Amino acid sequence: MRVEGRDPSRRRILGIGGALGLMAATGLSASAALARRPSVTGAELRSAVPLPPPFQVPLPMPAVLQPVRTSGGTDRYEITQREASAEILPGLKTPLWTYEGTFPGPTIESRRGRPVTVTHRNDLPVPTVVHLHGGRTPAASDGYPTDLVLPEHWPEQQPEQQPAERPMERPDAAVHVRHGMHDPRAVVTRRTRDYTFPLDQRPALLWYHDHRMDFTAPAIWRGLAGLHIVRDAAEDDLGLPAGPRELPLMIADRAFAADGGLAYPALDPTLRERPGVHEAYLAGVLGDVILVNGAPWPVHEADAARYRLRVLNASNARHYELEAVTDDGRRLDLVQIGADQGLLAAPVTHRLLPIAPAERHDLIVDFSGLAIGSRVRLLNRLGSGRTRDVMAFRIARRATDGSRIPRTLSTDLPTWRRTDAARVRDFSFRTGRMRGGHGWLIGGRPFDPARTDVTTRLGDVEVWRLVADVHHPVHLHLAGFRVLSRSGRPPLAHDAGLKDTVSLRPGEAVEIITRFDGYRGRYLFHCHNAEHEDMGMMANLEIT
């Protein structure tokens, strides 16, 4: 399929590109041989506007949302999802879909064990779903992809979507746009929905984003993402860098059209009916502009002191390998103190640190030995050209620094053992045929909301073995897990701690262990390459 209006010579095809069909036909060994561990899986969109030089725009900080009221020990927030425009590239206005009119959306700051209820109001032109990624959340508020919040004038039942042989079981159930697919358990609301998060979990950097079935990727690309930070007293007492020296960093790549809008190769740019992307981008959509907190290649004026960097890869498909380098070529240590689900047991020091889509790294970087006026660039060693730069820090002033990095960070990490496992399961994440075309499958099957793929008991410990053809960042809802091995070898240094997303590299097999001790109900596991997710790479997990 040709992408209209685009010269194929201007696209850089990375990872698998046209090899999809061969991988589907010949299986894992062929796909691994073809891939040979490429740095990226996906195809890059090129912006049609001049791009600004790096390290000129100040790093913005997302606003912290204030509760509209506090009662009964619960903080209550309100967020309106609405269209807005912002000056992302200097001198250009970019239309966005936003939470509260900003990209990223406002940050919610919470305390461990203190419930939060967020009322989302949908003023966008399409249905939405909100998922708190990393949240230990009851199923009713987890953001299941068919639990839609409809816009005011959206028809709840579109005639072409209703399979004649399967009437609606419930008046609030939704039949989704995928051909004839039907979810009898969907709970649909109009205009607003309350999401309740108990937050009975370790302090961590979480994030919230749209999770609508088949349209997650373009919705996130258009701006529907924000941060949610959980804190507790034990973490507060560690003496880590705090206040203005704690920086949340949402990294995301985008591409820009000639009119300043966000370019995205959707088959249906209205995101109303036909899901999917043009064929060249089936492996994932990459942009040529790196945004941090919504700004292109920003710069931050920093003290000569330690900083805590709370890093989220919110890109649809792009992987990064981060490195902090001074202008004279000196590498700074990236001291990892936390992972997706909170603090590590002890710090781990890196010089290069990979981060896949949806992963979070909690890092300490020490600028105290640097000269005033010097610069540190945060680089992406998997990028080339403009995508090699991420952001910069300019050391602006001397300062006192009372922070520290304790040798022991946390003592509450789970200690599950293989012998605790009630069962071991195997899952393959591979390309395959879907609806007469290419898709992305788990265990050879595309996602069906009406099918239960895995059933487990509340409290059971399980070991899962995950096998990939190309890059697949695999995310498990509700439960954090530990990485046990990679292709029969010990985990990598950045696998430490409790995670909810693990990066599978081409041809790799990864073992994880978890305990399903949160809540009963229907949850998901899926690839967090958002294009893979939209094209079938999700599965249902029922906790009984």
Protein backbone atom coordinates (compact mmCIF):
# COMPACT_ATOMS: atom_id res chain seq x y z
CA MET A 1 0.00 0.00 0.00
CA ARG A 2 1.43 3.37 -1.00
CA VAL A 3 1.29 6.26 1.48
CA GLU A 4 -0.31 9.07 -0.47
CA GLY A 5 1.66 12.27 -0.69
CA ARG A 6 4.89 10.72 0.63
CA ASP A 7 8.04 9.96 -1.30
CA PRO A 8 9.26 6.51 -0.16
CA SER A 9 12.83 7.66 -0.63
CA ARG A 10 12.30 10.08 2.26
CA ARG A 11 11.28 7.35 4.69
CA ARG A 12 13.85 5.44 6.68
CA ILE A 13 12.54 1.91 7.17
CA LEU A 14 13.97 0.34 10.31
CA GLY A 15 13.73 -3.05 11.93
CA ILE A 16 11.42 -5.30 9.95
CA GLY A 17 9.68 -3.19 7.32
CA GLY A 18 8.80 -5.41 4.39
CA ALA A 19 9.93 -8.59 6.14
CA LEU A 20 6.60 -8.95 7.97
CA GLY A 21 5.15 -11.55 5.63
CA LEU A 22 8.29 -13.69 5.61
CA MET A 23 8.40 -13.69 9.41
CA ALA A 24 4.77 -14.75 9.60
CA ALA A 25 5.42 -17.61 7.20
CA THR A 26 8.71 -18.88 8.56
CA GLY A 27 8.42 -18.23 12.29
CA LEU A 28 10.77 -17.07 15.03
CA SER A 29 14.10 -18.38 13.75
CA ALA A 30 13.78 -16.59 10.42
CA SER A 31 12.57 -13.37 11.99
CA ALA A 32 15.44 -13.36 14.46
CA ALA A 33 17.92 -13.95 11.66
CA LEU A 34 16.38 -11.14 9.60
CA ALA A 35 16.29 -8.72 12.50
CA ARG A 36 19.83 -9.34 13.84
CA ARG A 37 18.92 -7.19 16.82
CA PRO A 38 18.25 -3.92 14.98
CA SER A 39 18.25 -0.85 17.20
CA VAL A 40 14.66 0.07 16.36
CA THR A 41 11.52 -1.62 15.08
CA GLY A 42 9.42 0.74 13.00
CA ALA A 43 9.47 3.29 10.18
CA GLU A 44 10.30 6.95 10.56
CA LEU A 45 8.05 9.81 9.53
CA ARG A 46 9.89 12.91 8.33
CA SER A 47 8.62 16.33 9.30
CA ALA A 48 7.58 18.66 6.49
CA VAL A 49 8.61 21.85 8.32
CA PRO A 50 12.04 23.26 9.24
CA LEU A 51 13.11 21.97 12.65
CA PRO A 52 14.63 24.20 15.33
CA PRO A 53 18.22 23.76 16.52
CA PRO A 54 18.57 21.65 19.64
CA PHE A 55 18.96 22.94 23.18
CA GLN A 56 17.28 26.32 22.67
CA VAL A 57 13.81 25.81 24.20
CA PRO A 58 13.61 25.77 28.03
CA LEU A 59 12.45 22.49 29.55
CA PRO A 60 8.81 22.92 30.65
CA MET A 61 7.45 21.30 33.79
CA PRO A 62 3.90 19.86 33.64
CA ALA A 63 1.59 21.62 36.06
CA VAL A 64 0.60 19.68 39.19
CA LEU A 65 -3.17 19.23 39.30
CA GLN A 66 -4.92 20.29 42.48
CA PRO A 67 -7.87 18.30 43.86
CA VAL A 68 -11.26 19.92 43.48
CA ARG A 69 -12.17 18.58 46.90
CA THR A 70 -10.97 16.23 49.60
CA SER A 71 -13.46 14.23 51.59
CA GLY A 72 -13.58 10.92 53.42
CA GLY A 73 -9.86 10.41 52.98
CA THR A 74 -10.12 10.57 49.18
CA ASP A 75 -8.72 13.25 46.89
CA ARG A 76 -11.01 14.08 43.99
CA TYR A 77 -9.82 15.51 40.70
CA GLU A 78 -11.50 16.58 37.48
CA ILE A 79 -9.90 16.41 34.03
CA THR A 80 -11.48 17.52 30.77
CA GLN A 81 -10.26 15.85 27.61
CA ARG A 82 -10.43 18.50 24.90
CA GLU A 83 -8.90 19.81 21.73
CA ALA A 84 -6.31 22.55 22.11
CA SER A 85 -3.33 23.97 20.28
CA ALA A 86 0.19 24.66 21.49
CA GLU A 87 3.40 26.15 20.17
CA ILE A 88 5.61 23.06 20.22
CA LEU A 89 7.91 24.10 17.36
CA PRO A 90 8.74 27.81 17.65
CA GLY A 91 6.40 29.94 15.57
CA LEU A 92 3.96 27.14 14.71
CA LYS A 93 0.65 26.18 16.29
CA THR A 94 0.00 22.44 16.63
CA PRO A 95 -3.52 21.09 17.22
CA LEU A 96 -3.59 18.49 20.00
CA TRP A 97 -5.91 16.23 21.92
CA THR A 98 -5.21 16.97 25.55
CA TYR A 99 -5.96 16.40 29.19
CA GLU A 100 -6.85 19.86 30.56
CA GLY A 101 -5.54 21.65 27.48
CA THR A 102 -1.86 20.75 27.88
CA PHE A 103 0.63 18.20 26.57
CA PRO A 104 1.69 16.41 28.65
CA GLY A 105 -1.45 16.48 30.74
CA PRO A 106 -1.25 17.75 34.32
CA THR A 107 0.66 15.67 36.85
CA ILE A 108 -1.24 14.12 39.75
CA GLU A 109 0.75 13.79 42.99
CA SER A 110 -0.53 11.16 45.43
CA ARG A 111 0.37 9.53 48.73
CA ARG A 112 0.59 5.79 49.09
CA GLY A 113 -2.65 4.28 50.37
CA ARG A 114 -4.65 7.48 49.94
CA PRO A 115 -7.38 6.86 47.32
CA VAL A 116 -7.83 9.17 44.38
CA THR A 117 -10.92 9.56 42.20
CA VAL A 118 -10.49 11.29 38.85
CA THR A 119 -13.60 12.38 36.94
CA HIS A 120 -12.75 12.47 33.24
CA ARG A 121 -14.99 14.46 30.92
CA ASN A 122 -14.75 13.67 27.22
CA ASP A 123 -15.12 16.76 25.03
CA LEU A 124 -13.17 15.18 22.16
CA PRO A 125 -14.81 14.05 18.89
CA VAL A 126 -14.20 10.33 19.55
CA PRO A 127 -14.66 7.85 22.43
CA THR A 128 -11.82 7.56 24.94
CA VAL A 129 -10.64 5.26 27.71
CA VAL A 130 -8.19 6.14 30.50
CA HIS A 131 -5.61 3.65 31.79
CA LEU A 132 -3.36 4.42 34.76
CA HIS A 133 -0.25 2.58 33.57
CA GLY A 134 1.44 0.87 36.51
CA GLY A 135 -1.55 1.38 38.77
CA ARG A 136 -2.71 -1.31 41.15
CA THR A 137 -6.29 -0.65 40.16
CA PRO A 138 -9.66 -2.47 40.43
CA ALA A 139 -10.83 -3.77 37.08
CA ALA A 140 -13.71 -1.28 36.84
CA SER A 141 -11.21 1.62 36.76
CA ASP A 142 -8.32 -0.04 34.92
CA GLY A 143 -9.30 1.36 31.53
CA TYR A 144 -10.30 -1.76 29.65
CA PRO A 145 -10.21 -0.88 25.91
CA THR A 146 -13.96 -1.24 25.33
CA ASP A 147 -15.06 0.58 28.52
CA LEU A 148 -15.59 3.71 26.48
CA VAL A 149 -16.44 7.25 27.52
CA LEU A 150 -18.53 8.48 24.60
CA PRO A 151 -18.65 12.08 23.41
CA GLU A 152 -21.97 13.81 23.86
CA HIS A 153 -23.13 13.29 20.26
CA TRP A 154 -21.53 9.92 19.56
CA PRO A 155 -24.07 7.20 18.58
CA GLU A 156 -23.88 4.51 21.25
CA GLN A 157 -24.82 1.84 18.75
CA GLN A 158 -23.73 2.25 15.15
CA PRO A 159 -25.78 -0.01 12.87
CA GLU A 160 -22.84 -1.23 10.79
CA GLN A 161 -21.12 -2.43 13.95
CA GLN A 162 -23.89 -4.71 15.23
CA PRO A 163 -23.48 -8.37 14.24
CA ALA A 164 -26.97 -9.63 13.33
CA GLU A 165 -26.49 -12.98 15.02
CA ARG A 166 -25.36 -11.52 18.37
CA PRO A 167 -27.73 -8.99 19.93
CA MET A 168 -26.57 -6.75 22.73
CA GLU A 169 -26.55 -8.59 26.04
CA ARG A 170 -26.54 -5.36 28.06
CA PRO A 171 -27.90 -1.92 27.30
CA ASP A 172 -24.55 -0.30 28.11
CA ALA A 173 -22.45 -2.78 26.16
CA ALA A 174 -20.50 -1.53 23.14
CA VAL A 175 -19.94 -3.19 19.81
CA HIS A 176 -16.56 -2.04 18.58
CA VAL A 177 -15.60 -0.95 15.10
CA ARG A 178 -13.50 -4.02 14.42
CA HIS A 179 -15.43 -6.13 11.92
CA GLY A 180 -18.25 -7.87 13.76
CA MET A 181 -16.39 -7.88 17.09
CA HIS A 182 -18.55 -7.62 20.17
CA ASP A 183 -17.83 -7.26 23.88
CA PRO A 184 -20.76 -8.25 26.10
CA ARG A 185 -18.91 -7.04 29.23
CA ALA A 186 -18.13 -3.53 28.07
CA VAL A 187 -19.30 -0.74 30.37
CA VAL A 188 -19.89 2.45 28.42
CA THR A 189 -20.64 5.89 29.85
CA ARG A 190 -21.52 9.11 28.09
CA ARG A 191 -19.48 12.27 28.56
CA THR A 192 -18.00 11.48 32.01
CA ARG A 193 -16.58 8.61 34.02
CA ASP A 194 -15.13 8.31 37.51
CA TYR A 195 -11.87 6.37 37.78
CA THR A 196 -10.98 5.37 41.34
CA PHE A 197 -7.40 4.46 42.22
CA PRO A 198 -6.78 3.05 45.74
CA LEU A 199 -3.00 3.55 45.28
CA ASP A 200 -2.21 0.80 47.76
CA GLN A 201 1.17 0.32 46.10
CA ARG A 202 4.83 1.23 46.29
CA PRO A 203 5.78 4.83 45.51
CA ALA A 204 6.53 5.09 41.81
CA LEU A 205 6.23 7.13 38.64
CA LEU A 206 3.03 6.06 36.87
CA TRP A 207 1.44 7.57 33.79
CA TYR A 208 -2.07 7.82 32.41
CA HIS A 209 -2.97 7.61 28.75
CA ASP A 210 -5.75 6.74 26.36
CA HIS A 211 -6.43 3.01 25.89
CA ARG A 212 -9.29 2.90 23.39
CA MET A 213 -9.37 -0.35 21.46
CA ASP A 214 -7.65 -0.13 18.05
CA PHE A 215 -6.93 3.60 18.41
CA THR A 216 -4.51 3.85 21.35
CA ALA A 217 -1.50 4.72 19.19
CA PRO A 218 -2.89 7.79 17.38
CA ALA A 219 -4.61 9.06 20.54
CA ILE A 220 -1.36 9.03 22.53
CA TRP A 221 0.45 10.53 19.52
CA ARG A 222 -2.05 13.42 19.50
CA GLY A 223 -1.33 14.20 23.15
CA LEU A 224 -3.38 12.02 25.52
CA ALA A 225 -0.71 11.25 28.11
CA GLY A 226 0.18 12.56 31.56
CA LEU A 227 2.14 11.66 34.70
CA HIS A 228 0.96 10.38 38.09
CA ILE A 229 3.50 10.21 40.92
CA VAL A 230 2.93 8.14 44.08
CA ARG A 231 5.00 9.01 47.15
CA ASP A 232 5.33 7.79 50.74
CA ALA A 233 7.09 8.76 53.95
CA ALA A 234 9.81 6.11 53.70
CA GLU A 235 10.92 7.46 50.31
CA ASP A 236 10.70 11.05 51.58
CA ASP A 237 13.14 10.17 54.39
CA LEU A 238 15.86 8.81 52.08
CA GLY A 239 17.33 12.24 51.35
CA LEU A 240 17.11 11.91 47.56
CA PRO A 241 17.21 15.09 45.43
CA ALA A 242 13.83 16.79 45.71
CA GLY A 243 11.92 19.95 44.89
CA PRO A 244 13.37 21.73 41.85
CA ARG A 245 16.09 19.05 41.63
CA GLU A 246 13.55 16.31 40.93
CA LEU A 247 12.61 16.45 37.25
CA PRO A 248 9.90 14.33 35.62
CA LEU A 249 10.92 13.79 31.98
CA MET A 250 8.38 12.43 29.50
CA ILE A 251 10.31 11.59 26.32
CA ALA A 252 8.28 11.16 23.14
CA ASP A 253 9.05 11.39 19.43
CA ARG A 254 6.73 13.08 16.95
CA ALA A 255 6.69 14.31 13.34
CA PHE A 256 5.12 17.51 12.02
CA ALA A 257 3.08 18.19 8.88
CA ALA A 258 3.50 21.26 6.67
CA ASP A 259 0.75 23.16 8.53
CA GLY A 260 2.39 22.55 11.92
CA GLY A 261 0.03 19.72 12.89
CA LEU A 262 1.23 16.34 14.03
CA ALA A 263 1.82 13.96 11.12
CA TYR A 264 0.59 10.39 11.63
CA PRO A 265 -0.08 7.72 8.94
CA ALA A 266 -3.59 6.74 10.09
CA LEU A 267 -5.83 4.99 7.59
CA ASP A 268 -8.69 7.09 8.99
CA PRO A 269 -7.37 10.48 10.17
CA THR A 270 -10.67 11.15 11.98
CA LEU A 271 -10.00 8.08 14.20
CA ARG A 272 -13.68 7.29 14.06
CA GLU A 273 -14.10 4.09 12.08
CA ARG A 274 -11.15 2.45 10.35
CA PRO A 275 -8.22 1.55 12.63
CA GLY A 276 -4.63 1.04 11.57
CA VAL A 277 -1.76 2.73 9.76
CA HIS A 278 -0.44 2.67 6.21
CA GLU A 279 1.49 -0.47 5.40
CA ALA A 280 4.98 1.04 5.62
CA TYR A 281 4.36 1.79 9.31
CA LEU A 282 2.91 -1.54 10.47
CA ALA A 283 6.02 -2.19 12.57
CA GLY A 284 5.58 1.06 14.47
CA VAL A 285 5.57 4.82 13.92
CA LEU A 286 8.71 6.80 14.70
CA GLY A 287 9.03 10.57 14.64
CA ASP A 288 12.06 12.70 13.75
CA VAL A 289 11.55 15.23 16.57
CA ILE A 290 12.39 14.29 20.16
CA LEU A 291 10.15 16.02 22.69
CA VAL A 292 10.75 16.15 26.43
CA ASN A 293 7.73 17.33 28.39
CA GLY A 294 6.30 18.48 25.08
CA ALA A 295 9.30 20.64 24.05
CA PRO A 296 11.72 19.84 21.19
CA TRP A 297 15.26 19.03 22.38
CA PRO A 298 14.93 21.32 25.43
CA VAL A 299 17.62 22.68 27.73
CA HIS A 300 17.42 23.02 31.51
CA GLU A 301 19.47 25.38 33.64
CA ALA A 302 20.74 23.28 36.54
CA ASP A 303 22.63 23.74 39.78
CA ALA A 304 26.01 22.09 40.21
CA ALA A 305 24.38 19.40 42.35
CA ARG A 306 22.68 16.02 42.19
CA TYR A 307 19.42 15.75 40.24
CA ARG A 308 16.74 13.08 40.28
CA LEU A 309 15.45 12.38 36.78
CA ARG A 310 12.11 10.53 36.60
CA VAL A 311 12.27 9.31 32.99
CA LEU A 312 9.32 7.91 31.03
CA ASN A 313 9.55 6.70 27.44
CA ALA A 314 6.11 7.75 26.16
CA SER A 315 6.98 7.11 22.51
CA ASN A 316 4.75 4.84 20.46
CA ALA A 317 7.55 2.64 19.13
CA ARG A 318 10.95 4.28 19.58
CA HIS A 319 13.55 2.72 21.87
CA TYR A 320 16.28 4.84 23.42
CA GLU A 321 19.70 4.12 24.88
CA LEU A 322 20.43 7.06 27.13
CA GLU A 323 23.85 8.52 27.84
CA ALA A 324 24.83 11.73 29.67
CA VAL A 325 27.90 13.35 28.08
CA THR A 326 29.67 16.65 28.69
CA ASP A 327 30.75 18.78 25.76
CA ASP A 328 34.35 17.67 26.30
CA GLY A 329 33.34 14.01 25.97
CA ARG A 330 33.14 12.93 29.61
CA ARG A 331 30.42 10.41 30.41
CA LEU A 332 28.47 10.93 33.62
CA ASP A 333 27.13 8.04 35.66
CA LEU A 334 23.42 7.33 35.43
CA VAL A 335 22.68 5.94 38.88
CA GLN A 336 19.44 4.01 38.70
CA ILE A 337 17.48 4.06 41.94
CA GLY A 338 14.09 2.92 40.65
CA ALA A 339 12.23 1.04 37.94
CA ASP A 340 8.62 0.97 36.68
CA GLN A 341 7.18 -0.02 40.04
CA GLY A 342 9.33 2.00 42.39
CA LEU A 343 12.65 1.96 44.19
CA LEU A 344 15.29 -0.73 43.71
CA ALA A 345 16.81 -2.52 46.69
CA ALA A 346 20.12 -0.76 46.00
CA PRO A 347 21.44 1.66 43.38
CA VAL A 348 22.76 0.37 40.04
CA THR A 349 25.24 2.49 38.07
CA HIS A 350 25.08 2.69 34.28
CA ARG A 351 26.88 4.60 31.55
CA LEU A 352 24.40 3.54 28.84
CA LEU A 353 20.80 2.80 29.78
CA PRO A 354 18.19 1.38 27.38
CA ILE A 355 14.54 2.33 27.81
CA ALA A 356 11.68 0.85 25.77
CA PRO A 357 8.23 2.36 25.19
CA ALA A 358 6.28 2.66 28.49
CA GLU A 359 9.29 1.84 30.70
CA ARG A 360 10.32 4.26 33.47
CA HIS A 361 13.76 4.78 34.98
CA ASP A 362 14.38 6.70 38.20
CA LEU A 363 17.90 8.13 37.94
CA ILE A 364 20.39 10.28 39.87
CA VAL A 365 22.87 12.37 37.87
CA ASP A 366 25.56 14.33 39.71
CA PHE A 367 26.49 17.70 38.19
CA SER A 368 28.48 18.86 41.25
CA GLY A 369 31.93 18.43 39.69
CA LEU A 370 31.16 20.43 36.56
CA ALA A 371 32.26 23.99 35.80
CA ILE A 372 29.72 26.78 35.72
CA GLY A 373 28.65 27.33 32.13
CA SER A 374 29.41 23.77 31.05
CA ARG A 375 26.83 21.64 29.29
CA VAL A 376 25.67 18.04 29.61
CA ARG A 377 23.78 16.46 26.72
CA LEU A 378 21.39 13.58 27.23
CA LEU A 379 21.89 11.49 24.10
CA ASN A 380 20.13 8.57 22.47
CA ARG A 381 22.75 6.11 21.21
CA LEU A 382 20.09 4.31 19.15
CA GLY A 383 19.25 7.45 17.22
CA SER A 384 20.91 9.06 14.22
CA GLY A 385 20.94 12.62 13.01
CA ARG A 386 18.47 14.72 14.96
CA THR A 387 17.09 11.73 16.91
CA ARG A 388 20.49 11.24 18.55
CA ASP A 389 19.88 14.29 20.76
CA VAL A 390 17.32 14.24 23.58
CA MET A 391 17.93 17.29 25.79
CA ALA A 392 20.68 19.21 27.58
CA PHE A 393 21.51 20.61 31.00
CA ARG A 394 23.44 23.87 31.33
CA ILE A 395 25.22 24.22 34.67
CA ALA A 396 24.20 27.69 35.78
CA ARG A 397 25.30 28.13 39.39
CA ARG A 398 27.05 26.71 42.44
CA ALA A 399 24.74 25.46 45.17
CA THR A 400 24.72 23.57 48.44
CA ASP A 401 23.51 20.01 48.16
CA GLY A 402 22.25 18.04 51.14
CA SER A 403 20.99 15.10 49.09
CA ARG A 404 22.42 11.60 49.19
CA ILE A 405 22.13 8.20 47.52
CA PRO A 406 21.62 5.59 50.25
CA ARG A 407 23.19 2.17 49.79
CA THR A 408 19.85 0.64 50.74
CA LEU A 409 16.87 2.16 48.99
CA SER A 410 14.03 -0.24 49.75
CA THR A 411 13.42 -3.38 51.78
CA ASP A 412 9.86 -4.16 50.62
CA LEU A 413 10.58 -5.78 47.26
CA PRO A 414 8.92 -9.19 46.80
CA THR A 415 11.11 -12.29 47.02
CA TRP A 416 9.14 -14.74 44.86
CA ARG A 417 10.99 -17.92 43.89
CA ARG A 418 10.46 -20.32 41.01
CA THR A 419 9.39 -22.96 43.49
CA ASP A 420 6.52 -20.67 44.57
CA ALA A 421 4.98 -20.75 41.09
CA ALA A 422 1.64 -22.49 40.76
CA ARG A 423 2.21 -22.75 36.99
CA VAL A 424 4.48 -21.76 34.12
CA ARG A 425 3.04 -20.27 30.92
CA ASP A 426 4.54 -19.66 27.48
CA PHE A 427 3.57 -16.76 25.19
CA SER A 428 4.90 -15.88 21.75
CA PHE A 429 4.77 -12.30 20.48
CA ARG A 430 4.97 -12.47 16.69
CA THR A 431 3.60 -11.04 13.50
CA GLY A 432 0.92 -12.95 11.62
CA ARG A 433 -2.22 -12.74 9.52
CA MET A 434 -5.18 -10.78 10.83
CA ARG A 435 -8.39 -9.85 9.01
CA GLY A 436 -6.81 -10.72 5.68
CA GLY A 437 -3.74 -8.55 6.32
CA HIS A 438 -0.75 -8.22 8.61
CA GLY A 439 -1.25 -8.05 12.36
CA TRP A 440 0.58 -8.66 15.61
CA LEU A 441 -0.40 -11.71 17.63
CA ILE A 442 0.04 -13.28 21.07
CA GLY A 443 0.14 -17.05 20.89
CA GLY A 444 -0.90 -16.87 17.25
CA ARG A 445 -4.18 -15.05 17.96
CA PRO A 446 -5.22 -11.39 17.68
CA PHE A 447 -7.03 -9.70 20.54
CA ASP A 448 -10.71 -10.45 21.06
CA PRO A 449 -12.37 -8.75 24.05
CA ALA A 450 -14.98 -11.53 24.26
CA ARG A 451 -12.36 -14.28 24.69
CA THR A 452 -10.61 -15.16 27.95
CA ASP A 453 -7.00 -16.03 27.17
CA VAL A 454 -5.61 -16.65 30.67
CA THR A 455 -7.38 -17.46 33.93
CA THR A 456 -5.54 -17.39 37.23
CA ARG A 457 -6.48 -17.32 40.90
CA LEU A 458 -6.05 -14.31 43.13
CA GLY A 459 -2.84 -14.79 45.09
CA ASP A 460 -1.20 -17.27 42.73
CA VAL A 461 2.46 -16.92 41.77
CA GLU A 462 3.25 -17.66 38.12
CA VAL A 463 6.28 -17.74 35.85
CA TRP A 464 5.71 -16.49 32.30
CA ARG A 465 8.08 -17.19 29.43
CA LEU A 466 7.81 -14.56 26.68
CA VAL A 467 9.32 -15.05 23.22
CA ALA A 468 9.63 -12.30 20.60
CA ASP A 469 10.24 -12.04 16.87
CA VAL A 470 11.19 -8.33 16.88
CA HIS A 471 11.17 -5.66 19.59
CA HIS A 472 8.14 -6.00 21.86
CA PRO A 473 7.89 -4.05 25.15
CA VAL A 474 5.43 -6.29 27.02
CA HIS A 475 3.21 -4.66 29.65
CA LEU A 476 1.23 -6.51 32.30
CA HIS A 477 -1.71 -4.66 33.86
CA LEU A 478 -2.30 -4.68 37.63
CA ALA A 479 0.69 -6.78 38.75
CA GLY A 480 4.36 -5.88 38.96
CA PHE A 481 6.89 -8.57 38.12
CA ARG A 482 10.58 -9.44 38.35
CA VAL A 483 12.72 -10.47 35.39
CA LEU A 484 14.25 -13.90 36.01
CA SER A 485 16.27 -14.48 32.85
CA ARG A 486 16.96 -13.44 29.26
CA SER A 487 17.44 -16.29 26.79
CA GLY A 488 18.60 -18.55 29.59
CA ARG A 489 21.09 -16.04 30.97
CA PRO A 490 20.81 -13.75 34.00
CA PRO A 491 18.79 -10.53 33.69
CA LEU A 492 20.52 -7.38 32.50
CA ALA A 493 21.55 -4.63 34.88
CA HIS A 494 18.58 -2.42 33.96
CA ASP A 495 16.15 -5.29 34.67
CA ALA A 496 16.58 -4.76 38.41
CA GLY A 497 13.63 -4.06 40.65
CA LEU A 498 9.90 -4.48 40.22
CA LYS A 499 8.66 -3.81 36.69
CA ASP A 500 5.41 -3.72 34.75
CA THR A 501 6.94 -3.49 31.25
CA VAL A 502 9.82 -5.59 29.92
CA SER A 503 11.64 -5.00 26.66
CA LEU A 504 11.90 -8.14 24.54
CA ARG A 505 14.62 -7.83 21.90
CA PRO A 506 14.50 -9.59 18.53
CA GLY A 507 14.64 -13.36 18.89
CA GLU A 508 14.80 -13.15 22.68
CA ALA A 509 13.07 -15.24 25.35
CA VAL A 510 12.46 -13.58 28.73
CA GLU A 511 11.18 -15.18 31.93
CA ILE A 512 9.25 -13.10 34.46
CA ILE A 513 7.70 -14.01 37.83
CA THR A 514 4.73 -12.32 39.47
CA ARG A 515 2.01 -12.75 42.05
CA PHE A 516 -1.56 -11.83 41.12
CA ASP A 517 -2.51 -10.37 44.49
CA GLY A 518 -4.34 -7.18 43.57
CA TYR A 519 -7.99 -7.52 42.58
CA ARG A 520 -10.30 -9.94 40.84
CA GLY A 521 -11.59 -9.13 37.39
CA ARG A 522 -10.61 -8.74 33.76
CA TYR A 523 -7.22 -7.28 32.90
CA LEU A 524 -4.83 -7.19 29.97
CA PHE A 525 -1.30 -7.92 28.92
CA HIS A 526 -0.02 -6.55 25.64
CA CYS A 527 2.82 -5.14 23.61
CA HIS A 528 3.36 -1.45 24.32
CA ASN A 529 4.58 -0.69 20.84
CA ALA A 530 1.31 1.16 20.42
CA GLU A 531 0.89 0.25 16.75
CA HIS A 532 1.39 -3.44 17.59
CA GLU A 533 -1.17 -3.11 20.37
CA ASP A 534 -3.74 -1.56 18.03
CA MET A 535 -3.15 -4.30 15.48
CA GLY A 536 -4.05 -7.19 17.76
CA MET A 537 -1.14 -7.73 20.18
CA MET A 538 -3.22 -7.83 23.39
CA ALA A 539 -4.66 -10.66 25.44
CA ASN A 540 -7.15 -11.01 28.29
CA LEU A 541 -6.21 -12.02 31.82
CA GLU A 542 -9.02 -13.07 34.15
CA ILE A 543 -8.22 -13.10 37.89
CA THR A 544 -10.75 -15.17 39.85
